[in-house]
Amino acid sequence: MKLHEYQSKTIFAKYGVPIPKGRVAATALEARHIAEELGGRVVIKSQVLVGGRGKAGGIKVAKNAAEAEQLAQQILSMEIKGLPVRKILVDEAAAIEKEIYFSITNDRAAKKPVMIASAAGGVDIEEVAATNPEKIIKVHIDPLLGLRD
């Protein structure tokens, strides 16, 4: 299953996981209105199903609603790894103290899900895997029993 960030956040919120306030937009003007509602700094995030959105220029911080509209227009005109950006997520900006990487994906070789986590950050997880693989924790999940202590 592949989900856009805004879709994942909707599911998280449904189950009580705190998420930043924000909504998805399909136009720069919609992004401006959302930014006005949120007030202050916002993050404009391209919604495409590929990694590396930030490095490709698809994630930017806006100081105000006017800048949010301008950045949204730029991002909505982009293509990231061959995929056109049709939607953007406008989220309130957060003061990030620490980044972690967390993922649950399928391990085809083991034929079961695997939970992957690293306190060494999230943006460059591929680099962490290449240079410091010991900083990545992998735990296979039994499909019948689920996560166990």
Protein backbone atom coordinates (compact mmCIF):
# COMPACT_ATOMS: atom_id res chain seq x y z
CA MET A 1 0.00 0.00 0.00
CA LYS A 2 1.36 3.41 -0.93
CA LEU A 3 -0.04 6.48 0.77
CA HIS A 4 0.66 10.15 0.36
CA GLU A 5 1.82 11.93 3.51
CA TYR A 6 -1.53 13.69 3.95
CA GLN A 7 -3.36 10.34 3.71
CA SER A 8 -1.08 8.77 6.33
CA LYS A 9 -1.57 11.73 8.66
CA THR A 10 -5.35 11.37 8.39
CA ILE A 11 -5.07 7.74 9.51
CA PHE A 12 -2.69 8.66 12.35
CA ALA A 13 -5.08 11.36 13.58
CA LYS A 14 -8.01 8.92 13.51
CA TYR A 15 -6.12 6.75 16.02
CA GLY A 16 -5.02 9.60 18.30
CA VAL A 17 -1.47 10.14 17.04
CA PRO A 18 -0.70 13.87 17.28
CA ILE A 19 0.04 15.43 13.89
CA PRO A 20 0.71 19.01 12.76
CA LYS A 21 -2.32 21.03 11.74
CA GLY A 22 -2.64 21.34 8.00
CA ARG A 23 -4.54 20.35 4.91
CA VAL A 24 -3.96 19.33 1.33
CA ALA A 25 -4.32 21.79 -1.55
CA ALA A 26 -4.43 21.46 -5.32
CA THR A 27 -3.83 25.13 -6.15
CA ALA A 28 -1.53 27.88 -4.93
CA LEU A 29 -4.55 29.97 -3.88
CA GLU A 30 -5.87 27.10 -1.74
CA ALA A 31 -2.41 26.88 -0.15
CA ARG A 32 -2.53 30.60 0.65
CA HIS A 33 -5.95 30.26 2.34
CA ILE A 34 -4.76 27.30 4.42
CA ALA A 35 -1.61 29.22 5.42
CA GLU A 36 -3.75 32.22 6.44
CA GLU A 37 -5.89 29.94 8.64
CA LEU A 38 -2.82 28.36 10.26
CA GLY A 39 -1.02 31.70 10.72
CA GLY A 40 2.74 32.04 11.04
CA ARG A 41 5.28 29.81 9.32
CA VAL A 42 4.06 26.86 7.26
CA VAL A 43 5.67 24.03 5.34
CA ILE A 44 4.65 23.41 1.74
CA LYS A 45 5.18 19.72 0.87
CA SER A 46 4.79 18.10 -2.53
CA GLN A 47 2.61 14.99 -2.44
CA VAL A 48 4.20 12.46 -4.78
CA LEU A 49 4.84 8.79 -4.06
CA VAL A 50 8.65 8.91 -4.17
CA GLY A 51 11.43 9.57 -1.70
CA GLY A 52 13.77 12.54 -1.89
CA ARG A 53 11.06 15.20 -2.17
CA GLY A 54 12.99 17.66 -0.03
CA LYS A 55 16.27 17.25 -1.88
CA ALA A 56 14.39 17.73 -5.17
CA GLY A 57 13.01 21.06 -3.95
CA GLY A 58 9.55 19.72 -3.22
CA ILE A 59 9.46 20.79 0.44
CA LYS A 60 9.85 24.43 1.44
CA VAL A 61 9.15 26.63 4.48
CA ALA A 62 7.12 29.82 4.01
CA LYS A 63 7.22 32.74 6.46
CA ASN A 64 3.68 33.90 5.66
CA ALA A 65 0.62 33.23 3.50
CA ALA A 66 1.86 35.28 0.52
CA GLU A 67 5.13 33.35 0.44
CA ALA A 68 3.18 30.09 0.86
CA GLU A 69 1.21 30.90 -2.29
CA GLN A 70 4.40 31.69 -4.22
CA LEU A 71 6.19 28.52 -3.09
CA ALA A 72 3.07 26.42 -3.71
CA GLN A 73 2.96 27.68 -7.30
CA GLN A 74 6.61 26.68 -7.80
CA ILE A 75 6.14 23.23 -6.29
CA LEU A 76 2.89 22.54 -8.17
CA SER A 77 4.72 23.18 -11.45
CA MET A 78 7.41 20.60 -10.62
CA GLU A 79 8.00 17.04 -11.63
CA ILE A 80 9.84 14.90 -9.07
CA LYS A 81 11.48 11.72 -10.35
CA GLY A 82 9.14 11.76 -13.35
CA LEU A 83 5.95 12.34 -11.33
CA PRO A 84 4.02 15.61 -11.66
CA VAL A 85 3.12 17.35 -8.40
CA ARG A 86 -0.67 17.67 -8.38
CA LYS A 87 -1.24 18.20 -4.66
CA ILE A 88 0.64 19.83 -1.82
CA LEU A 89 0.33 19.55 1.92
CA VAL A 90 0.33 22.82 3.85
CA ASP A 91 1.33 22.10 7.46
CA GLU A 92 2.13 24.32 10.39
CA ALA A 93 5.91 24.56 10.76
CA ALA A 94 7.32 22.67 13.73
CA ALA A 95 10.47 23.27 15.75
CA ILE A 96 12.31 20.01 15.10
CA GLU A 97 14.48 18.96 18.02
CA LYS A 98 15.44 15.53 16.74
CA GLU A 99 14.72 13.49 13.64
CA ILE A 100 14.32 9.75 13.57
CA TYR A 101 13.61 7.31 10.80
CA PHE A 102 10.80 4.81 11.24
CA SER A 103 9.28 2.52 8.66
CA ILE A 104 7.33 -0.68 8.34
CA THR A 105 7.76 -2.34 4.97
CA ASN A 106 7.79 -5.80 3.43
CA ASP A 107 10.99 -7.84 3.49
CA ARG A 108 10.58 -9.93 0.35
CA ALA A 109 13.52 -12.20 1.20
CA ALA A 110 12.10 -13.02 4.66
CA LYS A 111 8.52 -13.01 3.33
CA LYS A 112 7.22 -10.91 6.21
CA PRO A 113 6.97 -7.30 7.36
CA VAL A 114 9.99 -5.62 8.89
CA MET A 115 10.08 -2.61 11.20
CA ILE A 116 13.10 -0.37 10.57
CA ALA A 117 14.18 2.45 12.91
CA SER A 118 17.18 4.71 13.36
CA ALA A 119 17.95 7.57 15.71
CA ALA A 120 20.51 8.74 13.13
CA GLY A 121 17.85 10.72 11.28
CA GLY A 122 15.41 10.24 8.49
CA VAL A 123 16.30 12.34 5.47
CA ASP A 124 19.51 10.50 4.53
CA ILE A 125 18.67 7.01 5.74
CA GLU A 126 20.28 5.47 2.65
CA GLU A 127 23.59 7.16 3.57
CA VAL A 128 23.28 5.92 7.17
CA ALA A 129 22.71 2.39 5.82
CA ALA A 130 25.85 2.62 3.67
CA THR A 131 28.19 4.24 6.22
CA ASN A 132 26.80 3.22 9.64
CA PRO A 133 24.53 0.19 9.23
CA GLU A 134 24.84 -0.59 12.95
CA LYS A 135 22.75 2.53 13.63
CA ILE A 136 19.73 0.96 11.95
CA ILE A 137 17.54 -1.45 13.89
CA LYS A 138 15.47 -4.03 12.01
CA VAL A 139 12.82 -6.21 13.63
CA HIS A 140 10.81 -8.72 11.64
CA ILE A 141 7.11 -8.90 12.43
CA ASP A 142 5.37 -12.25 12.58
CA PRO A 143 2.34 -11.92 10.29
CA LEU A 144 0.22 -14.08 12.60
CA LEU A 145 1.32 -12.72 16.00
CA GLY A 146 2.11 -9.09 15.10
CA LEU A 147 4.60 -7.03 17.10
CA ARG A 148 5.75 -8.62 20.32
CA ASP A 149 7.74 -7.25 23.25
